[in-house]
Structures are given as structure tokens and as C-alpha cells.
Amino acid sequence: MIQRICGGMAAVTAFVFLSFPSFAADSTLSGGDTAWILTSTALVLFMTLPGLALFYGGLVRSNNVLSVLMHCFAIACMASVIWLIGGYALAFGDGGGAQAWIGGAEKWFLLGIGPDTLSGSIPEILFVAFQMTFAIITPALIVGAYVERIRFSAVMLFSGLWLIFVYAPVCHWVWGGGWLADLGVMDFAGGIVVHVTAGTSALLLAKVLGGRRGFPKELRPPHNPGMTMIGAAMLWVGWFGFNAGSALAADGSASMAMFVTHISAATASLTWAFLEWRRFGKASLVGIVTGMVAGLATITPASGFVGPIGALCIGLAAGVVCHFAVEWVKQKIQIDDSLDVFAVHGVGGALGTLLTAFFAAASLGGMGLAEGTTMGSQFGVQVLGVVAVLVWSVVVSFIIIKITEATVGLRMSDEDEIEGLDIVAHGERGYDL
């Protein structure tokens, strides 16, 4: 079956590769493209610092808010250094005989990359920086699964190893010329690479770590929903760099990606709020902004392939499916994925990846599938991509979790958890009341 899929997906593979100038034939510098990707790079970093930090920070108890900000900030610093040393080479380097699975070592420490080295129509060092911001936010997303109870040393060790052994290989598979790219998987801006990897790994880590004290019946509500909304608004704006920037050009593809990103976020927000109102009689601020993030995560893999109709439908699906996924994780299987990383990002990313196979079709307002490709054959490739990455993320993350547990430990003591991570782990308080 895989051979039949491969035969029908050659043209789609070429189309997907055009999204990444490392594989494009054009070698003329474009000032417009360069300016846009410079802006997009700043926007994606803005998603983590301060967007994600404030979004997560408002959702925890007041005596843990600084720990969440610290986690996001420290991961951003560490991921940047890892990306320089070898992360970029593993994700986008030439792997030679192992090209299908991992990049090579020729670009470790970014050797051979200078200000005049081009990657398509932009400087390659800019492409390195843009992709670095993706490597920063992906492990930072996992922070939401383990807040209020994890050791800071465990955060750093797990995140560093995870970036090298989970994120970099999957990034290579999909965007760096690996085996999923050869099959023609469609993931414009990270539904698989970012959201499926982070979401599934987060659920596993939350399961191994165990729930917060009082879970699931005696948890305190978010200490500052206003802070969460401010962070969410920053995520919404920053996501334009995430999705529209992935066109790696200032063109119509980027314009459409930006528009459909906005429509999906708005639709999912309204859908989530409506469901809360119908089920509980009130629509909450935390609920509507969580719906927004679900809409953004779900449109991410489809953003360069679908049109406004697809965005509307994907946003609606995201609001419904992710809303009930939150309840399923916490109430049915009772895993304390504290800030709903799996339900919003993992489920949303997978859902958007699968729906891309349908809404990319020209008949549904999309940019069109490759000649000779049917929705069914493309859907098969999308399923294969999601399942393969899910399995890889779970297996490798479990090994990393066990290494972390055996070396620095995972969980704070009960006494430290009651006191709060702010003062215990960092010697500071978020509020002097």
C-alpha cells in the first residue's frame, strides 16, 4: 500500500518542498521575502516569550506563576544553544545514507553558513533562525502538562534530550527531506512536527509524573484569567508568523495562510464558548481563549493548503473535538495534563493534519491536490504520518523520562508542592501580598 501511495504523491512532495527554500532551486536573494521572514522570526519568538509564558502563567496557582515563566524562558535559551550546536544540522542537514531518518554533521555549529549563503530567496542563517523559533516553542508547549509539581532540573534535562531525540528527527522526516517528505505528507507549519510531538509527549509525561495534589476533584481555579487572555492574544498575533511565515516568501501563499489562520481561531473560539454556554450556562474567558488556541493548532498543518471554507470548517471541528477531548483526558482517563496540552495541541494538530487531505482539494476551496492524487490516497499518507510520529514520540519520550527520573528525579515533594515552586525552586514570589 505504501508503494502505491508513494507513486501518487511525487508531485505533492515537490509542492511541499517549495515551502522550504533549502530545497528550492531559486538562488536569488529577495529583499521582500527576507524582510517578511525576519518579521516572522520575531513573531514566533514572541509566541513563547511572552505569549505562551503569560498564557500558562495565568492558569496556575499564584504561588507557581514564576516557575512557569522560568520554564518557558529557560527552555527558550537552552533550545537556542542546542539548535546552534547540532539541532539544525540534525533536522535540515544532509544525512547521506541515513537521509531518510536524520540529518548529517556537516552543519554542526552552523559551519559553512555565512551572511551570503542563500536558502532559496532568503539567507540561510535567517532560515536557521526562523526554524530555531519552532524548536523553542515546541518543548515549551509541554510545560503546560507538568506545572506545579516538577523539578526544575527535570524540566531542563527532559526538554534538552527531547529536542534532540524527538523533535529534530521528526522535523527532518517532514521538512528536511526525510521519509515522510518522500511520501508526500502535507504539514505546512507543524501540525505533526510541533503539535503531535508535543501533545503526545506531554500526555505521557503527565501520566508518569502523576496528578497535582487533589486531582481531579480539589483543584483550584486559574489565579489570573486576565493574564491568560493577554498571553493568548499574543499567541494569536504571533501565530501569523508561525503559519504565514512558513510560506518563506512574501506572496499570496503567505497571505492566504494568514487569513485562514485568523478565521480558524475566531471560529474555534466562538464554538468553544457556545458549547460552554449550552452545557454549563456560562461562557468563560479561559474557555474562549482555549478555543482560540485549539483553532490555531488545528489550522497549522493546513494553513498553506486550504482556503476560507476549509478554515471555517476546521475551526468548527477544532472547537468541538478539542473541547470534548479536554473532558476525556481529565475525567475519563484521569490524567492530569494540567493545561490541556494533549487535548488542544496533540488532538488539534492530528485533526488538522487529517482534515488537510480533504480541504486542500480545489473542489472544497483549497489550493488543490497533486495531479492524480485523490482525497483517499492523501488521507492515507496523513494517517501514516500522524501514527508514525505519535509512536516515535511516545517511545522515545518514555526513555527520556526514565533517564530523567533516574538522574535528577521528576517530582517535587508534597511539602514543596504545597509551598509552591516559586519560592522552593527559585527563591522568589510572583506577588508580594
Protein backbone atom coordinates (compact mmCIF):
# COMPACT_ATOMS: atom_id res chain seq x y z
CA MET A 1 0.00 0.00 0.00
CA ILE A 2 2.87 2.36 0.83
CA GLN A 3 4.33 1.84 -2.66
CA ARG A 4 1.01 2.84 -4.25
CA ILE A 5 0.86 5.91 -2.03
CA CYS A 6 4.44 6.84 -2.90
CA GLY A 7 3.74 6.64 -6.61
CA GLY A 8 0.81 9.01 -6.37
CA MET A 9 2.50 11.54 -4.12
CA ALA A 10 5.59 12.65 -6.06
CA ALA A 11 4.03 15.89 -7.18
CA VAL A 12 2.70 16.70 -3.71
CA THR A 13 6.20 16.12 -2.33
CA ALA A 14 7.59 18.70 -4.72
CA PHE A 15 4.82 21.13 -3.73
CA VAL A 16 5.50 20.69 -0.02
CA PHE A 17 9.25 21.17 -0.56
CA LEU A 18 8.60 24.54 -2.18
CA SER A 19 7.56 25.76 1.25
CA PHE A 20 11.18 25.41 2.37
CA PRO A 21 13.84 27.20 0.34
CA SER A 22 16.52 24.75 1.42
CA PHE A 23 15.07 22.54 -1.29
CA ALA A 24 14.18 25.20 -3.85
CA ALA A 25 16.18 25.85 -6.98
CA ASP A 26 15.90 29.65 -6.81
CA SER A 27 19.13 31.24 -5.57
CA THR A 28 18.33 34.95 -5.94
CA LEU A 29 18.05 36.98 -2.77
CA SER A 30 14.65 38.64 -2.33
CA GLY A 31 14.56 41.69 -0.08
CA GLY A 32 10.80 41.36 0.37
CA ASP A 33 10.96 37.69 1.36
CA THR A 34 13.87 38.38 3.69
CA ALA A 35 12.04 41.23 5.41
CA TRP A 36 8.95 39.09 5.93
CA ILE A 37 10.85 36.13 7.41
CA LEU A 38 12.81 38.48 9.69
CA THR A 39 9.43 39.70 10.95
CA SER A 40 8.02 36.18 11.20
CA THR A 41 11.01 35.02 13.21
CA ALA A 42 10.37 37.75 15.76
CA LEU A 43 6.65 36.90 15.81
CA VAL A 44 7.23 33.21 16.54
CA LEU A 45 9.65 34.02 19.37
CA PHE A 46 7.00 36.45 20.64
CA MET A 47 4.65 33.45 20.87
CA THR A 48 6.83 31.84 23.51
CA LEU A 49 8.23 34.97 25.15
CA PRO A 50 5.95 36.38 26.41
CA GLY A 51 2.82 34.84 24.83
CA LEU A 52 2.94 31.21 25.97
CA ALA A 53 4.57 32.16 29.29
CA LEU A 54 1.72 34.51 30.21
CA PHE A 55 -0.95 32.16 28.84
CA TYR A 56 0.28 29.30 31.02
CA GLY A 57 1.23 31.56 33.93
CA GLY A 58 -2.31 32.81 34.42
CA LEU A 59 -3.70 29.28 34.55
CA VAL A 60 -1.74 28.07 37.59
CA ARG A 61 -1.93 28.97 41.29
CA SER A 62 -0.40 32.26 42.36
CA ASN A 63 2.50 30.54 44.14
CA ASN A 64 3.60 28.82 40.91
CA VAL A 65 3.35 31.59 38.35
CA LEU A 66 7.05 32.46 38.33
CA SER A 67 8.02 28.81 37.89
CA VAL A 68 6.01 28.66 34.67
CA LEU A 69 7.62 31.85 33.36
CA MET A 70 11.02 30.44 34.30
CA HIS A 71 10.35 27.18 32.49
CA CYS A 72 9.40 28.93 29.26
CA PHE A 73 12.30 31.38 29.42
CA ALA A 74 14.95 28.79 30.30
CA ILE A 75 13.76 26.38 27.59
CA ALA A 76 13.98 29.19 25.03
CA CYS A 77 17.60 29.85 25.99
CA MET A 78 18.61 26.19 26.03
CA ALA A 79 16.86 25.31 22.76
CA SER A 80 18.63 28.21 21.03
CA VAL A 81 22.06 26.88 22.01
CA ILE A 82 21.18 23.30 21.09
CA TRP A 83 19.91 24.46 17.70
CA LEU A 84 23.24 26.21 17.04
CA ILE A 85 25.39 23.29 18.14
CA GLY A 86 23.65 20.47 16.28
CA GLY A 87 19.87 20.73 16.24
CA TYR A 88 19.71 22.48 12.87
CA ALA A 89 22.15 20.01 11.33
CA LEU A 90 20.14 17.03 12.57
CA ALA A 91 16.88 18.50 11.27
CA PHE A 92 17.95 20.04 7.96
CA GLY A 93 21.42 18.70 7.19
CA ASP A 94 22.29 16.15 4.52
CA GLY A 95 22.20 12.78 6.18
CA GLY A 96 23.88 10.91 3.35
CA GLY A 97 22.94 7.24 3.53
CA ALA A 98 20.72 7.97 6.54
CA GLN A 99 18.98 10.90 4.83
CA ALA A 100 15.55 9.31 5.22
CA TRP A 101 15.90 9.36 9.00
CA ILE A 102 18.25 12.10 10.22
CA GLY A 103 20.46 14.93 9.02
CA GLY A 104 24.25 14.84 8.98
CA ALA A 105 27.01 16.60 10.87
CA GLU A 106 28.34 18.92 8.18
CA LYS A 107 26.45 21.91 9.59
CA TRP A 108 27.17 21.43 13.28
CA PHE A 109 27.89 24.82 14.85
CA LEU A 110 26.49 26.20 11.57
CA LEU A 111 29.84 25.72 9.84
CA GLY A 112 29.74 26.85 6.23
CA ILE A 113 26.75 29.14 6.76
CA GLY A 114 27.57 32.80 6.32
CA PRO A 115 25.65 36.02 5.64
CA ASP A 116 25.87 35.42 1.88
CA THR A 117 24.79 31.76 1.97
CA LEU A 118 21.32 31.51 0.48
CA SER A 119 18.46 29.15 1.17
CA GLY A 120 16.12 29.82 -1.70
CA SER A 121 15.34 33.52 -1.76
CA ILE A 122 16.45 34.28 1.83
CA PRO A 123 19.78 34.00 3.69
CA GLU A 124 20.24 30.54 5.12
CA ILE A 125 21.15 31.99 8.51
CA LEU A 126 17.68 33.56 8.56
CA PHE A 127 16.14 30.19 7.76
CA VAL A 128 18.17 28.77 10.67
CA ALA A 129 16.81 31.49 12.97
CA PHE A 130 13.22 31.03 11.81
CA GLN A 131 13.33 27.28 12.37
CA MET A 132 15.05 27.85 15.72
CA THR A 133 11.94 29.63 17.00
CA PHE A 134 9.92 26.50 16.17
CA ALA A 135 12.44 24.43 18.12
CA ILE A 136 11.98 26.84 21.03
CA ILE A 137 8.21 26.79 21.25
CA THR A 138 7.68 23.05 20.74
CA PRO A 139 9.25 21.79 24.01
CA ALA A 140 7.85 24.88 25.74
CA LEU A 141 4.34 23.71 24.87
CA ILE A 142 4.93 20.64 27.03
CA VAL A 143 5.35 22.90 30.08
CA GLY A 144 1.57 23.01 30.42
CA ALA A 145 1.41 19.30 31.22
CA TYR A 146 3.65 19.30 34.30
CA VAL A 147 3.17 22.64 36.03
CA GLU A 148 3.12 22.98 39.83
CA ARG A 149 4.87 19.71 40.66
CA ILE A 150 8.05 19.08 38.62
CA ARG A 151 11.70 19.70 39.48
CA PHE A 152 13.39 22.47 37.50
CA SER A 153 16.37 20.21 36.78
CA ALA A 154 13.95 17.67 35.29
CA VAL A 155 12.45 20.35 33.04
CA MET A 156 15.86 21.23 31.64
CA LEU A 157 17.16 17.69 31.17
CA PHE A 158 13.94 16.35 29.66
CA SER A 159 13.49 19.32 27.32
CA GLY A 160 17.08 19.22 26.05
CA LEU A 161 17.06 15.49 25.34
CA TRP A 162 13.56 15.70 23.87
CA LEU A 163 14.58 18.40 21.42
CA ILE A 164 17.50 16.31 20.17
CA PHE A 165 15.90 12.87 20.02
CA VAL A 166 12.22 13.58 19.32
CA TYR A 167 11.83 16.97 17.67
CA ALA A 168 14.92 17.06 15.42
CA PRO A 169 14.34 13.64 13.78
CA VAL A 170 10.63 14.30 13.17
CA CYS A 171 11.45 17.73 11.76
CA HIS A 172 13.87 16.03 9.37
CA TRP A 173 11.32 13.41 8.37
CA VAL A 174 8.74 16.01 7.37
CA TRP A 175 10.63 19.18 6.41
CA GLY A 176 14.25 18.11 5.96
CA GLY A 177 13.87 15.66 3.08
CA GLY A 178 13.19 12.57 5.18
CA TRP A 179 10.95 9.59 4.58
CA LEU A 180 7.63 11.31 5.32
CA ALA A 181 8.54 14.09 2.92
CA ASP A 182 9.23 11.45 0.27
CA LEU A 183 5.78 10.02 0.86
CA GLY A 184 4.27 13.48 0.37
CA VAL A 185 2.86 14.17 3.82
CA MET A 186 1.26 17.63 3.99
CA ASP A 187 2.22 19.61 7.09
CA PHE A 188 2.61 23.26 6.21
CA ALA A 189 3.62 24.73 9.56
CA GLY A 190 3.82 21.99 12.19
CA GLY A 191 0.66 20.01 12.87
CA ILE A 192 2.78 16.87 13.03
CA VAL A 193 6.22 18.31 13.70
CA VAL A 194 5.14 20.62 16.53
CA HIS A 195 1.73 19.73 17.89
CA VAL A 196 1.56 15.93 17.62
CA THR A 197 5.07 15.53 19.06
CA ALA A 198 4.49 17.96 21.94
CA GLY A 199 0.94 16.82 22.67
CA THR A 200 1.62 13.09 22.88
CA SER A 201 4.83 13.54 24.84
CA ALA A 202 3.02 15.85 27.26
CA LEU A 203 0.30 13.30 27.95
CA LEU A 204 2.85 10.58 28.65
CA LEU A 205 4.90 12.80 30.95
CA ALA A 206 1.79 13.86 32.85
CA LYS A 207 0.83 10.20 33.29
CA VAL A 208 4.25 9.18 34.62
CA LEU A 209 4.56 12.26 36.83
CA GLY A 210 1.14 11.83 38.40
CA GLY A 211 -1.53 14.40 39.14
CA ARG A 212 -1.34 17.52 41.26
CA ARG A 213 -2.46 17.30 44.87
CA GLY A 214 -6.26 16.95 44.94
CA PHE A 215 -6.60 15.95 41.29
CA PRO A 216 -9.19 15.65 39.86
CA LYS A 217 -11.72 16.91 42.45
CA GLU A 218 -9.94 19.52 44.54
CA LEU A 219 -8.00 21.70 42.13
CA ARG A 220 -8.00 25.47 42.50
CA PRO A 221 -9.11 27.60 39.53
CA PRO A 222 -6.66 29.69 37.45
CA HIS A 223 -5.30 32.52 39.58
CA ASN A 224 -5.35 35.17 36.82
CA PRO A 225 -7.58 34.59 33.75
CA GLY A 226 -6.76 38.13 32.62
CA MET A 227 -3.09 37.22 32.33
CA THR A 228 -4.09 34.13 30.37
CA MET A 229 -6.14 36.23 27.94
CA ILE A 230 -3.22 38.64 27.39
CA GLY A 231 -0.91 35.72 26.67
CA ALA A 232 -3.49 34.18 24.35
CA ALA A 233 -3.78 37.44 22.42
CA MET A 234 -0.01 37.45 21.95
CA LEU A 235 -0.18 33.86 20.73
CA TRP A 236 -2.86 34.81 18.21
CA VAL A 237 -0.74 37.61 16.75
CA GLY A 238 2.47 35.60 16.87
CA TRP A 239 0.83 32.67 15.10
CA PHE A 240 0.71 34.73 11.91
CA GLY A 241 4.49 34.42 11.81
CA PHE A 242 4.20 30.74 12.64
CA ASN A 243 1.83 29.88 9.77
CA ALA A 244 2.17 32.67 7.20
CA GLY A 245 5.91 32.76 7.77
CA SER A 246 6.11 29.10 6.79
CA ALA A 247 5.49 30.13 3.19
CA LEU A 248 9.03 31.55 3.43
CA ALA A 249 8.03 34.24 0.96
CA ALA A 250 6.04 37.46 0.93
CA ASP A 251 3.45 36.22 -1.52
CA GLY A 252 -0.13 35.02 -1.97
CA SER A 253 0.51 31.77 -0.13
CA ALA A 254 1.57 33.67 2.98
CA SER A 255 -1.42 35.96 2.64
CA MET A 256 -3.88 33.08 2.44
CA ALA A 257 -2.15 31.27 5.32
CA MET A 258 -2.52 34.35 7.48
CA PHE A 259 -6.19 34.78 6.66
CA VAL A 260 -7.21 31.15 7.21
CA THR A 261 -5.26 31.11 10.48
CA HIS A 262 -7.30 34.02 11.76
CA ILE A 263 -10.64 32.57 10.62
CA SER A 264 -9.97 29.18 12.21
CA ALA A 265 -9.00 30.79 15.52
CA ALA A 266 -12.08 33.01 15.58
CA THR A 267 -14.43 30.15 14.65
CA ALA A 268 -12.99 27.75 17.23
CA SER A 269 -13.24 30.43 19.93
CA LEU A 270 -16.92 31.03 19.27
CA THR A 271 -17.60 27.30 19.05
CA TRP A 272 -15.92 26.62 22.41
CA ALA A 273 -17.77 29.49 24.09
CA PHE A 274 -21.10 28.30 22.65
CA LEU A 275 -20.52 24.77 23.92
CA GLU A 276 -19.74 26.07 27.41
CA TRP A 277 -22.84 28.25 27.38
CA ARG A 278 -25.09 25.39 26.24
CA ARG A 279 -23.62 22.87 28.69
CA PHE A 280 -22.94 24.97 31.79
CA GLY A 281 -24.97 28.14 31.30
CA LYS A 282 -21.90 30.41 31.14
CA ALA A 283 -19.16 31.10 28.64
CA SER A 284 -15.80 31.65 30.38
CA LEU A 285 -12.85 33.80 29.36
CA VAL A 286 -10.47 30.88 29.87
CA GLY A 287 -12.73 28.75 27.68
CA ILE A 288 -12.92 31.13 24.75
CA VAL A 289 -9.16 31.69 24.64
CA THR A 290 -8.52 27.96 24.94
CA GLY A 291 -10.79 27.51 21.93
CA MET A 292 -8.70 30.07 20.09
CA VAL A 293 -5.50 28.10 20.72
CA ALA A 294 -7.26 24.91 19.58
CA GLY A 295 -8.27 26.64 16.35
CA LEU A 296 -4.71 27.85 15.78
CA ALA A 297 -3.17 24.44 16.44
CA THR A 298 -5.65 22.67 14.18
CA ILE A 299 -5.24 25.01 11.20
CA THR A 300 -1.45 24.93 11.43
CA PRO A 301 -0.77 21.90 9.18
CA ALA A 302 -3.46 23.00 6.70
CA SER A 303 -2.76 26.74 6.60
CA GLY A 304 -0.85 26.75 3.31
CA PHE A 305 -3.16 24.31 1.56
CA VAL A 306 -6.75 25.30 2.36
CA GLY A 307 -8.99 28.27 1.60
CA PRO A 308 -11.51 30.22 3.69
CA ILE A 309 -14.16 27.48 3.53
CA GLY A 310 -11.68 24.96 4.86
CA ALA A 311 -10.62 27.34 7.61
CA LEU A 312 -14.21 27.80 8.74
CA CYS A 313 -14.84 24.06 8.87
CA ILE A 314 -11.52 23.27 10.53
CA GLY A 315 -12.13 25.93 13.18
CA LEU A 316 -15.57 24.49 13.90
CA ALA A 317 -14.16 20.96 14.16
CA ALA A 318 -11.36 22.17 16.42
CA GLY A 319 -13.79 23.87 18.81
CA VAL A 320 -15.94 20.76 19.16
CA VAL A 321 -13.35 17.96 19.16
CA CYS A 322 -10.76 19.66 21.38
CA HIS A 323 -13.45 20.82 23.82
CA PHE A 324 -14.59 17.29 24.49
CA ALA A 325 -11.01 15.96 24.39
CA VAL A 326 -10.23 18.09 27.47
CA GLU A 327 -13.02 16.40 29.39
CA TRP A 328 -11.99 12.95 28.13
CA VAL A 329 -8.39 13.34 29.32
CA LYS A 330 -9.19 14.73 32.77
CA GLN A 331 -12.43 12.91 33.60
CA LYS A 332 -12.42 9.65 31.64
CA ILE A 333 -8.78 8.53 31.66
CA GLN A 334 -7.94 10.87 34.60
CA ILE A 335 -4.52 12.09 33.51
CA ASP A 336 -3.58 15.49 34.92
CA ASP A 337 -2.38 17.10 31.71
CA SER A 338 -2.72 20.28 33.71
CA LEU A 339 -3.17 22.90 30.99
CA ASP A 340 -4.59 20.59 28.31
CA VAL A 341 -1.55 20.27 26.06
CA PHE A 342 -2.64 16.95 24.55
CA ALA A 343 -6.32 17.83 24.13
CA VAL A 344 -5.59 21.18 22.48
CA HIS A 345 -2.27 20.68 20.69
CA GLY A 346 -1.98 16.93 20.22
CA VAL A 347 -5.59 16.33 19.22
CA GLY A 348 -5.80 19.62 17.33
CA GLY A 349 -2.60 19.02 15.38
CA ALA A 350 -3.63 15.49 14.42
CA LEU A 351 -7.15 16.58 13.49
CA GLY A 352 -5.89 19.39 11.28
CA THR A 353 -3.37 17.10 9.61
CA LEU A 354 -6.09 14.61 8.69
CA LEU A 355 -8.56 17.26 7.53
CA THR A 356 -5.91 18.76 5.23
CA ALA A 357 -6.35 15.79 2.91
CA PHE A 358 -9.93 16.88 2.23
CA PHE A 359 -9.99 20.67 2.46
CA ALA A 360 -6.86 21.08 0.34
CA ALA A 361 -8.92 19.86 -2.63
CA ALA A 362 -9.84 22.57 -5.12
CA SER A 363 -13.48 21.43 -5.03
CA LEU A 364 -13.61 22.49 -1.37
CA GLY A 365 -11.86 25.81 -1.92
CA GLY A 366 -8.31 24.61 -1.27
CA MET A 367 -5.14 25.07 -3.28
CA GLY A 368 -5.61 21.67 -4.91
CA LEU A 369 -4.06 18.24 -4.57
CA ALA A 370 -1.37 16.95 -6.91
CA GLU A 371 -2.50 15.62 -10.27
CA GLY A 372 -3.65 12.04 -9.93
CA THR A 373 -3.95 12.29 -6.17
CA THR A 374 -7.28 11.57 -4.52
CA MET A 375 -8.51 12.63 -1.11
CA GLY A 376 -8.37 8.98 -0.07
CA SER A 377 -4.74 8.43 -1.05
CA GLN A 378 -3.67 11.69 0.60
CA PHE A 379 -5.63 10.80 3.72
CA GLY A 380 -3.70 7.53 3.91
CA VAL A 381 -0.41 9.40 3.89
CA GLN A 382 -1.66 11.81 6.56
CA VAL A 383 -2.75 8.95 8.81
CA LEU A 384 0.60 7.24 8.37
CA GLY A 385 2.42 10.44 9.28
CA VAL A 386 0.37 11.05 12.42
CA VAL A 387 0.62 7.46 13.66
CA ALA A 388 4.35 7.13 12.98
CA VAL A 389 5.19 10.37 14.76
CA LEU A 390 2.87 9.56 17.66
CA VAL A 391 4.56 6.20 18.20
CA TRP A 392 8.05 7.70 17.91
CA SER A 393 7.20 10.48 20.35
CA VAL A 394 5.77 8.10 22.95
CA VAL A 395 8.58 5.54 22.78
CA VAL A 396 11.48 7.99 22.82
CA SER A 397 9.83 10.28 25.37
CA PHE A 398 9.33 7.34 27.72
CA ILE A 399 13.04 6.55 27.54
CA ILE A 400 13.94 10.19 28.19
CA ILE A 401 11.51 10.35 31.13
CA LYS A 402 13.11 7.29 32.71
CA ILE A 403 16.61 8.72 32.21
CA THR A 404 15.49 11.97 33.81
CA GLU A 405 13.83 10.20 36.72
CA ALA A 406 16.92 8.09 37.36
CA THR A 407 19.37 11.00 37.25
CA VAL A 408 17.79 14.18 38.66
CA GLY A 409 14.35 12.97 39.71
CA LEU A 410 10.99 14.15 38.40
CA ARG A 411 8.66 15.31 41.12
CA MET A 412 8.89 17.77 43.97
CA SER A 413 7.93 16.58 47.46
CA ASP A 414 4.41 17.07 48.81
CA GLU A 415 5.65 19.77 51.16
CA ASP A 416 7.33 21.66 48.32
CA GLU A 417 4.23 21.35 46.17
CA ILE A 418 2.12 22.89 48.93
CA GLU A 419 4.61 25.73 49.41
CA GLY A 420 4.73 26.37 45.67
CA LEU A 421 7.55 26.09 43.13
CA ASP A 422 8.17 29.83 43.00
CA ILE A 423 9.80 30.06 46.43
CA VAL A 424 11.04 26.46 46.69
CA ALA A 425 12.73 26.16 43.30
CA HIS A 426 13.56 29.78 42.51
CA GLY A 427 13.55 31.71 45.79
CA GLU A 428 11.11 34.32 44.52
CA ARG A 429 7.43 35.14 44.73
CA GLY A 430 5.18 36.32 41.94
CA TYR A 431 3.18 38.58 44.24
CA ASP A 432 4.08 40.41 47.45
CA LEU A 433 0.69 40.46 49.13
